[in-house]
Amino acid sequence: MWFKNIRVYKLSAPLSTDPAVWEQALAEFKFTPLTAQEAVRSGFSFPLHASIKQYCHACQHLLFFALKRQEKILPAAVINEEMQPKLEAMEQEKGRPLSRKEKQSLKEELQLSLLPRAFSRSTLTQGYYDPEHQWLVINSGSASKAEDVLALLRKALGSLPALPWLDNHKLNTHLQLWLQNQALPQGFMLGSDAELKAPDDEGAKVKFSNHLLSADEVQSHLQDKLVTSISLEQADAISLAITDDGAIKRIKFHDVLTGQNDELGWEDLTARLDADLMLMASALNQALLSISQQVGAAE
């Protein structure tokens, strides 16, 4: 349950904080397995644990939810192998090469015929609503996956006035400053990873890992490149990388933090998961608050 990559959205209007309202709304869009002829399907599932049958789990003031996505796996190599003899047969029958449109139609028909035999893969994307800060925090580094969650939430709740959590123009300026070890968010220190990219058409890139970022060989790249990702650290709490589009990636929680609930054990699964959730959310929220106060929210 410890989030590894997140996308954060700021709400311009509050949502309901009643877990019963959320439970009913999400249940109407609950996940059901794929049928034989379907390629992909999404729906809300149980965020805490498969044995805890709640679509919305309230933990103190936070509301946790999860989107389950199931898709059929059809490797391109398999499709191409099945398609080649059919393609050759049709071209021989017609006495000419097939057009691009005809090839695409043949490929789509073939994919449909293969779907019932394809393996399926499921993923669970969790998130929580924090009414105190009016944040939606989605456990995914992918913008498209996070948007899928928001889209179904919008259908379920009827409205979801979600905006980017940071002003990206201001963020880009701060990333440059942070690499110079200036104006860091409160409680953070500079990490050891950074990525930079030239703003011209060629877009030359450079990446530093486990590197002293104050070194001249790193700082010299600021003359002609923009910082696209940089790592930050909080002592005994959390380390993360923030990208120029506001994503938070490679989140690591310090052992001092993650071990605080070990004495609780796992006899009461809900109690232990709740305790871990609150530790995680508290650390994330403190980090997000520090960053957003320094950068400024999107308007």
Protein backbone atom coordinates (compact mmCIF):
# COMPACT_ATOMS: atom_id res chain seq x y z
CA MET A 1 0.00 0.00 0.00
CA TRP A 2 3.00 2.31 0.21
CA PHE A 3 2.69 4.49 -2.89
CA LYS A 4 5.71 4.57 -5.23
CA ASN A 5 4.73 7.14 -7.88
CA ILE A 6 1.92 9.67 -7.64
CA ARG A 7 -0.04 12.22 -9.60
CA VAL A 8 -1.67 14.95 -7.53
CA TYR A 9 -4.71 17.06 -8.37
CA LYS A 10 -6.09 20.10 -6.59
CA LEU A 11 -9.86 20.43 -6.33
CA SER A 12 -11.47 23.81 -6.91
CA ALA A 13 -14.60 22.72 -5.03
CA PRO A 14 -14.98 20.23 -2.16
CA LEU A 15 -16.34 16.73 -2.61
CA SER A 16 -18.59 14.86 -0.23
CA THR A 17 -16.78 13.52 2.82
CA ASP A 18 -19.49 10.96 3.61
CA PRO A 19 -18.05 7.45 3.09
CA ALA A 20 -21.56 6.09 2.51
CA VAL A 21 -22.08 8.49 -0.39
CA TRP A 22 -18.79 7.43 -1.94
CA GLU A 23 -19.48 3.74 -1.34
CA GLN A 24 -22.81 3.89 -3.15
CA ALA A 25 -21.42 5.98 -6.01
CA LEU A 26 -18.36 3.79 -6.61
CA ALA A 27 -20.33 0.55 -6.29
CA GLU A 28 -22.43 1.60 -9.28
CA PHE A 29 -19.25 1.51 -11.36
CA LYS A 30 -17.69 -1.54 -9.73
CA PHE A 31 -15.28 -3.76 -11.60
CA THR A 32 -16.60 -6.86 -13.35
CA PRO A 33 -14.36 -9.30 -15.27
CA LEU A 34 -13.83 -9.10 -19.01
CA THR A 35 -16.07 -11.05 -21.34
CA ALA A 36 -14.52 -13.25 -24.03
CA GLN A 37 -14.77 -10.57 -26.74
CA GLU A 38 -13.64 -7.56 -24.68
CA ALA A 39 -10.10 -6.21 -24.82
CA VAL A 40 -10.14 -3.97 -21.74
CA ARG A 41 -12.45 -3.06 -18.85
CA SER A 42 -12.14 -0.84 -15.78
CA GLY A 43 -14.15 -0.39 -12.60
CA PHE A 44 -13.80 0.40 -8.93
CA SER A 45 -12.46 -2.31 -6.63
CA PHE A 46 -11.49 -2.73 -2.98
CA PRO A 47 -8.59 -0.37 -2.12
CA LEU A 48 -7.53 -1.76 1.24
CA HIS A 49 -7.50 -5.53 0.70
CA ALA A 50 -9.45 -8.05 -1.38
CA SER A 51 -10.96 -9.47 1.82
CA ILE A 52 -12.22 -6.05 2.99
CA LYS A 53 -15.30 -5.48 0.85
CA GLN A 54 -15.38 -1.69 0.70
CA TYR A 55 -15.15 0.39 -2.44
CA CYS A 56 -14.46 3.45 -0.31
CA HIS A 57 -12.39 3.02 2.82
CA ALA A 58 -12.46 5.85 5.34
CA CYS A 59 -9.31 6.25 7.39
CA GLN A 60 -9.70 9.18 9.77
CA HIS A 61 -10.47 12.10 7.44
CA LEU A 62 -9.09 10.44 4.29
CA LEU A 63 -11.16 8.50 1.76
CA PHE A 64 -9.32 5.71 -0.09
CA PHE A 65 -10.46 4.17 -3.37
CA ALA A 66 -9.05 2.03 -6.18
CA LEU A 67 -9.60 1.47 -9.88
CA LYS A 68 -9.08 -2.02 -11.26
CA ARG A 69 -8.21 -2.38 -14.94
CA GLN A 70 -8.18 -5.70 -16.76
CA GLU A 71 -6.88 -6.08 -20.29
CA LYS A 72 -6.21 -8.93 -22.71
CA ILE A 73 -2.60 -9.47 -23.71
CA LEU A 74 -2.07 -9.95 -27.43
CA PRO A 75 1.67 -9.70 -28.25
CA ALA A 76 2.43 -8.08 -31.60
CA ALA A 77 4.59 -11.07 -32.56
CA VAL A 78 1.61 -13.42 -32.13
CA ILE A 79 -0.68 -11.19 -34.18
CA ASN A 80 1.89 -10.86 -36.96
CA GLU A 81 2.51 -14.62 -37.06
CA GLU A 82 -1.22 -15.32 -37.36
CA MET A 83 -1.76 -12.53 -39.85
CA GLN A 84 0.97 -13.28 -42.37
CA PRO A 85 -0.58 -16.42 -43.97
CA LYS A 86 -4.03 -14.76 -44.05
CA LEU A 87 -2.52 -11.69 -45.69
CA GLU A 88 -0.73 -13.75 -48.32
CA ALA A 89 -3.88 -15.77 -49.04
CA MET A 90 -6.02 -12.66 -49.51
CA GLU A 91 -3.46 -10.98 -51.76
CA GLN A 92 -3.24 -14.12 -53.90
CA GLU A 93 -7.04 -14.30 -54.09
CA LYS A 94 -7.37 -10.64 -55.13
CA GLY A 95 -4.30 -10.72 -57.34
CA ARG A 96 -2.89 -7.53 -55.84
CA PRO A 97 -1.34 -6.19 -52.62
CA LEU A 98 -3.86 -5.19 -49.98
CA SER A 99 -4.32 -1.51 -49.21
CA ARG A 100 -3.44 -0.10 -45.82
CA LYS A 101 -7.14 0.09 -44.96
CA GLU A 102 -7.66 -3.55 -45.91
CA LYS A 103 -4.65 -4.64 -43.85
CA GLN A 104 -5.93 -2.75 -40.83
CA SER A 105 -9.38 -4.30 -41.21
CA LEU A 106 -7.81 -7.78 -41.43
CA LYS A 107 -5.73 -7.09 -38.33
CA GLU A 108 -8.76 -5.93 -36.33
CA GLU A 109 -10.74 -9.03 -37.32
CA LEU A 110 -7.82 -11.22 -36.32
CA GLN A 111 -7.49 -9.50 -32.95
CA LEU A 112 -11.17 -10.10 -32.23
CA SER A 113 -10.81 -13.79 -33.09
CA LEU A 114 -7.78 -14.12 -30.79
CA LEU A 115 -9.28 -12.33 -27.77
CA PRO A 116 -11.07 -15.38 -26.31
CA ARG A 117 -7.73 -17.24 -26.19
CA ALA A 118 -5.66 -14.35 -24.83
CA PHE A 119 -4.37 -14.12 -21.27
CA SER A 120 -5.64 -11.24 -19.18
CA ARG A 121 -3.69 -8.90 -16.91
CA SER A 122 -5.11 -6.87 -14.03
CA THR A 123 -3.73 -3.76 -12.36
CA LEU A 124 -4.99 -1.85 -9.33
CA THR A 125 -4.49 1.91 -9.09
CA GLN A 126 -5.20 3.28 -5.62
CA GLY A 127 -5.78 6.83 -4.51
CA TYR A 128 -7.17 8.97 -1.75
CA TYR A 129 -9.13 12.16 -1.29
CA ASP A 130 -7.81 14.55 1.34
CA PRO A 131 -10.57 17.08 2.15
CA GLU A 132 -8.28 19.06 4.45
CA HIS A 133 -5.96 20.04 1.58
CA GLN A 134 -8.48 19.40 -1.22
CA TRP A 135 -6.12 16.97 -2.93
CA LEU A 136 -6.68 13.83 -4.94
CA VAL A 137 -3.55 11.69 -4.75
CA ILE A 138 -3.37 8.90 -7.35
CA ASN A 139 -0.84 6.07 -6.99
CA SER A 140 0.53 6.25 -10.53
CA GLY A 141 3.33 8.07 -12.28
CA SER A 142 1.45 7.85 -15.59
CA ALA A 143 -0.67 10.85 -16.50
CA SER A 144 -2.95 8.73 -18.71
CA LYS A 145 -3.60 6.13 -15.98
CA ALA A 146 -4.31 8.86 -13.45
CA GLU A 147 -6.70 10.51 -15.91
CA ASP A 148 -8.51 7.18 -16.33
CA VAL A 149 -9.11 7.15 -12.59
CA LEU A 150 -10.35 10.76 -12.63
CA ALA A 151 -12.65 10.05 -15.58
CA LEU A 152 -14.44 7.21 -13.81
CA LEU A 153 -14.54 9.14 -10.54
CA ARG A 154 -16.18 11.99 -12.43
CA LYS A 155 -18.84 9.60 -13.76
CA ALA A 156 -19.46 8.10 -10.33
CA LEU A 157 -19.53 11.34 -8.34
CA GLY A 158 -21.17 13.48 -11.01
CA SER A 159 -18.57 16.24 -10.75
CA LEU A 160 -14.83 16.40 -10.25
CA PRO A 161 -13.33 19.90 -10.53
CA ALA A 162 -9.71 18.69 -10.54
CA LEU A 163 -6.78 20.87 -11.61
CA PRO A 164 -3.01 20.36 -11.74
CA TRP A 165 -1.64 20.75 -8.23
CA LEU A 166 1.26 22.99 -9.24
CA ASP A 167 1.88 25.92 -11.55
CA ASN A 168 4.18 24.22 -14.07
CA HIS A 169 5.79 27.46 -15.20
CA LYS A 170 6.78 28.26 -11.62
CA LEU A 171 7.83 24.65 -11.07
CA ASN A 172 10.24 24.80 -14.00
CA THR A 173 11.87 27.88 -12.47
CA HIS A 174 12.17 26.20 -9.09
CA LEU A 175 13.69 23.03 -10.55
CA GLN A 176 16.53 25.16 -11.88
CA LEU A 177 16.99 26.77 -8.46
CA TRP A 178 16.83 23.47 -6.60
CA LEU A 179 19.62 21.99 -8.70
CA GLN A 180 21.69 24.98 -7.56
CA ASN A 181 20.69 24.06 -3.98
CA GLN A 182 18.67 27.27 -3.65
CA ALA A 183 15.15 27.88 -2.29
CA LEU A 184 14.51 24.20 -1.54
CA PRO A 185 11.10 23.27 -0.06
CA GLN A 186 11.10 23.43 3.71
CA GLY A 187 12.51 20.28 5.32
CA PHE A 188 14.08 19.01 2.09
CA MET A 189 17.66 18.70 0.98
CA LEU A 190 18.99 18.07 -2.50
CA GLY A 191 19.23 14.41 -3.52
CA SER A 192 21.70 12.77 -5.89
CA ASP A 193 19.69 12.26 -9.10
CA ALA A 194 18.82 14.74 -11.84
CA GLU A 195 17.84 14.84 -15.48
CA LEU A 196 18.21 17.80 -17.84
CA LYS A 197 17.16 18.45 -21.41
CA ALA A 198 18.05 21.16 -23.92
CA PRO A 199 15.02 23.24 -25.01
CA ASP A 200 16.01 23.25 -28.71
CA ASP A 201 14.69 20.94 -31.42
CA GLU A 202 17.40 18.33 -30.91
CA GLY A 203 16.68 18.17 -27.17
CA ALA A 204 20.01 16.83 -25.94
CA LYS A 205 19.56 15.01 -22.63
CA VAL A 206 21.82 14.26 -19.68
CA LYS A 207 21.10 12.08 -16.64
CA PHE A 208 22.93 11.89 -13.31
CA SER A 209 22.39 9.05 -10.82
CA ASN A 210 23.95 8.77 -7.37
CA HIS A 211 25.96 11.85 -8.21
CA LEU A 212 27.12 14.92 -6.31
CA LEU A 213 24.78 17.45 -7.93
CA SER A 214 26.80 20.44 -6.73
CA ALA A 215 29.75 19.29 -8.89
CA ASP A 216 30.80 21.63 -11.68
CA GLU A 217 30.16 18.97 -14.35
CA VAL A 218 26.49 18.95 -13.30
CA GLN A 219 26.04 22.67 -12.72
CA SER A 220 27.57 23.54 -16.10
CA HIS A 221 24.59 21.95 -17.87
CA LEU A 222 22.30 24.65 -16.47
CA GLN A 223 23.78 27.04 -19.02
CA ASP A 224 21.96 25.39 -21.93
CA LYS A 225 19.53 22.86 -20.46
CA LEU A 226 16.39 22.77 -18.34
CA VAL A 227 15.92 20.45 -15.36
CA THR A 228 13.24 17.86 -16.12
CA SER A 229 13.61 15.77 -12.96
CA ILE A 230 15.38 16.15 -9.65
CA SER A 231 15.48 14.14 -6.42
CA LEU A 232 14.81 15.60 -2.99
CA GLU A 233 15.16 14.03 0.45
CA GLN A 234 13.79 14.47 3.96
CA ALA A 235 15.83 12.99 6.79
CA ASP A 236 14.21 9.86 8.32
CA ALA A 237 11.03 10.40 6.30
CA ILE A 238 10.85 10.33 2.51
CA SER A 239 12.85 10.70 -0.67
CA LEU A 240 11.35 11.41 -4.08
CA ALA A 241 11.93 12.73 -7.57
CA ILE A 242 9.78 15.52 -8.95
CA THR A 243 9.44 15.98 -12.69
CA ASP A 244 8.74 19.11 -14.70
CA ASP A 245 5.08 18.12 -15.24
CA GLY A 246 4.43 17.84 -11.50
CA ALA A 247 4.63 14.05 -11.16
CA ILE A 248 6.24 12.62 -8.03
CA LYS A 249 8.23 9.47 -8.81
CA ARG A 250 10.59 6.98 -7.17
CA ILE A 251 9.10 7.59 -3.74
CA LYS A 252 10.96 5.83 -0.93
CA PHE A 253 9.88 5.90 2.69
CA HIS A 254 12.63 5.66 5.28
CA ASP A 255 12.85 2.47 7.34
CA VAL A 256 12.46 4.57 10.48
CA LEU A 257 9.03 5.59 9.18
CA THR A 258 7.82 2.29 7.72
CA GLY A 259 8.85 0.37 10.85
CA GLN A 260 6.81 2.45 13.28
CA ASN A 261 3.82 0.10 13.14
CA ASP A 262 5.72 -3.21 13.29
CA GLU A 263 4.71 -3.76 16.91
CA LEU A 264 1.05 -3.89 15.82
CA GLY A 265 1.62 -7.11 13.89
CA TRP A 266 -0.94 -8.37 11.36
CA GLU A 267 -3.55 -10.11 13.52
CA ASP A 268 -5.97 -7.24 12.93
CA LEU A 269 -5.46 -6.65 9.21
CA THR A 270 -7.66 -3.56 8.96
CA ALA A 271 -6.05 -1.88 11.96
CA ARG A 272 -2.54 -2.51 10.64
CA LEU A 273 -3.34 -1.33 7.12
CA ASP A 274 -5.07 1.76 8.50
CA ALA A 275 -2.03 2.58 10.62
CA ASP A 276 0.30 2.19 7.63
CA LEU A 277 -2.02 4.26 5.44
CA MET A 278 -1.99 7.13 7.88
CA LEU A 279 1.79 7.02 8.20
CA MET A 280 2.15 7.07 4.44
CA ALA A 281 -0.45 9.77 3.83
CA SER A 282 0.96 11.96 6.59
CA ALA A 283 4.47 11.77 5.12
CA LEU A 284 3.19 12.38 1.59
CA ASN A 285 0.98 15.28 2.61
CA GLN A 286 3.79 16.98 4.51
CA ALA A 287 6.02 16.64 1.46
CA LEU A 288 3.32 17.86 -0.94
CA LEU A 289 2.45 20.78 1.30
CA SER A 290 6.08 21.84 1.55
CA ILE A 291 6.55 21.67 -2.22
CA SER A 292 3.28 23.41 -3.08
CA GLN A 293 3.93 26.22 -0.61
CA GLN A 294 7.31 26.81 -2.24
CA VAL A 295 6.18 26.55 -5.87
CA GLY A 296 2.58 27.73 -5.82
CA ALA A 297 -0.56 25.95 -6.95
CA ALA A 298 -1.83 26.10 -10.53
CA GLU A 299 -4.55 28.64 -11.15
